[in-house]
Amino acid sequence: MRPKRGPRVRESAREGVDGRDAQYDLLTAALIGAAIGATATLLLRRGPSGSRPVTPLIQGARVGGKAAARAGLAGALWAKEHGSELIDRIPVDRIEHDVRETVGAARERIDGFVQQELRDLRRMLRQQRKRMGV
């Protein structure tokens, strides 16, 4: 048997953090903040042409959002008109049969796994009792 171990503790959350580790944590946070700030500055600044580098991305997102909204509206109207006839075409019996079959197979696998685990535990218990002389 293996000796019991305590819970795993993250390296950064250990007790007794000395001043040097705290300084490294602070330095890391400062460098991450500086990198984020520099990236935001480069994206939002105005270039030689007077436009911002991020403007094409924003315009593309705007066009894509409008197209998605139009498609969504058209799709919703089509579903409203044709929804009832589509619902009638769903093979509910077949789906129910497939789900029952899948759940039954999963139940059988789980039962088999549990039975195997119980056999293994009983065998280990017998071995331990034999070792202890009980």
Protein backbone atom coordinates (compact mmCIF):
# COMPACT_ATOMS: atom_id res chain seq x y z
CA MET A 1 0.00 0.00 0.00
CA ARG A 2 1.13 3.52 -0.70
CA PRO A 3 1.44 6.00 2.14
CA LYS A 4 -1.28 8.60 2.26
CA ARG A 5 -0.37 11.96 0.84
CA GLY A 6 -1.82 15.30 1.71
CA PRO A 7 -3.73 17.41 -0.78
CA ARG A 8 -1.81 18.77 -3.74
CA VAL A 9 -1.00 22.41 -3.20
CA ARG A 10 -0.04 24.76 -5.98
CA GLU A 11 3.52 25.95 -5.82
CA SER A 12 2.45 29.58 -5.70
CA ALA A 13 0.05 28.92 -2.82
CA ARG A 14 2.47 27.27 -0.41
CA GLU A 15 2.93 28.58 3.06
CA GLY A 16 5.86 30.74 4.03
CA VAL A 17 6.40 32.58 0.78
CA ASP A 18 9.60 34.54 1.20
CA GLY A 19 10.17 38.11 0.02
CA ARG A 20 12.02 37.03 -3.09
CA ASP A 21 9.04 35.05 -4.41
CA ALA A 22 6.72 37.96 -3.71
CA GLN A 23 9.06 40.23 -5.68
CA TYR A 24 9.01 37.83 -8.64
CA ASP A 25 5.20 37.69 -8.50
CA LEU A 26 5.02 41.47 -8.50
CA LEU A 27 7.53 41.73 -11.35
CA THR A 28 5.58 39.19 -13.41
CA ALA A 29 2.32 41.07 -12.87
CA ALA A 30 3.99 44.35 -13.86
CA LEU A 31 5.40 42.85 -17.07
CA ILE A 32 2.04 41.36 -18.04
CA GLY A 33 0.35 44.72 -17.43
CA ALA A 34 2.97 46.53 -19.51
CA ALA A 35 2.53 44.07 -22.39
CA ILE A 36 -1.26 44.50 -22.36
CA GLY A 37 -0.92 48.28 -22.22
CA ALA A 38 1.57 48.37 -25.10
CA THR A 39 -0.68 46.17 -27.25
CA ALA A 40 -3.72 48.35 -26.56
CA THR A 41 -1.73 51.49 -27.36
CA LEU A 42 -0.52 50.09 -30.68
CA LEU A 43 -4.03 49.02 -31.69
CA LEU A 44 -5.75 52.27 -30.71
CA ARG A 45 -3.17 54.83 -31.88
CA ARG A 46 -3.60 56.74 -35.10
CA GLY A 47 -1.18 55.82 -37.87
CA PRO A 48 0.40 58.05 -40.53
CA SER A 49 -2.78 57.86 -42.63
CA GLY A 50 -4.86 59.14 -39.71
CA SER A 51 -6.79 55.89 -39.20
CA ARG A 52 -6.47 53.43 -36.37
CA PRO A 53 -5.02 49.94 -37.08
CA VAL A 54 -7.99 48.32 -35.36
CA THR A 55 -10.59 50.10 -37.57
CA PRO A 56 -10.75 47.39 -40.31
CA LEU A 57 -11.41 44.77 -37.65
CA ILE A 58 -14.23 46.80 -36.12
CA GLN A 59 -15.77 47.45 -39.55
CA GLY A 60 -15.57 43.77 -40.45
CA ALA A 61 -17.23 42.81 -37.19
CA ARG A 62 -19.97 45.37 -37.81
CA VAL A 63 -20.67 44.04 -41.32
CA GLY A 64 -20.64 40.46 -40.08
CA GLY A 65 -23.00 41.31 -37.23
CA LYS A 66 -25.47 42.98 -39.57
CA ALA A 67 -25.40 40.01 -41.96
CA ALA A 68 -25.94 37.59 -39.07
CA ALA A 69 -28.87 39.65 -37.80
CA ARG A 70 -30.49 39.64 -41.27
CA ALA A 71 -29.95 35.90 -41.64
CA GLY A 72 -31.31 35.28 -38.15
CA LEU A 73 -34.44 37.29 -38.86
CA ALA A 74 -35.03 35.51 -42.16
CA GLY A 75 -34.39 32.14 -40.48
CA ALA A 76 -36.84 32.93 -37.70
CA LEU A 77 -39.55 33.90 -40.19
CA TRP A 78 -38.97 30.73 -42.23
CA ALA A 79 -39.10 28.57 -39.07
CA LYS A 80 -42.35 30.25 -38.03
CA GLU A 81 -43.92 29.44 -41.41
CA HIS A 82 -42.61 25.88 -41.79
CA GLY A 83 -42.06 24.82 -38.18
CA SER A 84 -45.24 22.83 -37.64
CA GLU A 85 -44.77 20.64 -40.71
CA LEU A 86 -41.13 20.02 -39.79
CA ILE A 87 -42.04 18.92 -36.27
CA ASP A 88 -44.41 16.35 -37.74
CA ARG A 89 -41.54 14.89 -39.78
CA ILE A 90 -39.32 14.19 -36.74
CA PRO A 91 -39.14 10.40 -36.18
CA VAL A 92 -39.89 10.47 -32.45
CA ASP A 93 -40.34 6.70 -32.19
CA ARG A 94 -36.96 6.03 -33.75
CA ILE A 95 -35.23 8.60 -31.55
CA GLU A 96 -36.89 7.17 -28.44
CA HIS A 97 -35.79 3.65 -29.45
CA ASP A 98 -32.20 4.80 -30.05
CA VAL A 99 -32.05 6.64 -26.73
CA ARG A 100 -33.44 3.63 -24.83
CA GLU A 101 -30.92 1.37 -26.57
CA THR A 102 -28.01 3.70 -25.76
CA VAL A 103 -29.06 4.11 -22.12
CA GLY A 104 -29.47 0.33 -21.79
CA ALA A 105 -26.00 -0.30 -23.21
CA ALA A 106 -24.51 2.33 -20.90
CA ARG A 107 -26.29 0.77 -17.92
CA GLU A 108 -24.90 -2.67 -18.81
CA ARG A 109 -21.38 -1.30 -19.13
CA ILE A 110 -21.62 0.51 -15.81
CA ASP A 111 -22.98 -2.62 -14.10
CA GLY A 112 -20.13 -4.68 -15.57
CA PHE A 113 -17.57 -2.14 -14.42
CA VAL A 114 -19.02 -2.03 -10.90
CA GLN A 115 -19.08 -5.83 -10.71
CA GLN A 116 -15.43 -6.00 -11.78
CA GLU A 117 -14.45 -3.39 -9.21
CA LEU A 118 -16.31 -5.27 -6.47
CA ARG A 119 -14.53 -8.51 -7.41
CA ASP A 120 -11.17 -6.75 -7.30
CA LEU A 121 -11.94 -5.17 -3.93
CA ARG A 122 -13.07 -8.49 -2.46
CA ARG A 123 -9.91 -10.15 -3.73
CA MET A 124 -7.76 -7.40 -2.22
CA LEU A 125 -9.66 -7.65 1.05
CA ARG A 126 -9.05 -11.42 1.18
CA GLN A 127 -5.36 -10.85 0.52
CA GLN A 128 -5.12 -8.26 3.27
CA ARG A 129 -6.89 -10.53 5.72
CA LYS A 130 -4.56 -13.39 4.80
CA ARG A 131 -1.53 -11.13 5.38
CA MET A 132 -2.89 -10.01 8.73
CA GLY A 133 -3.77 -13.58 9.73
CA VAL A 134 -7.47 -12.90 10.24
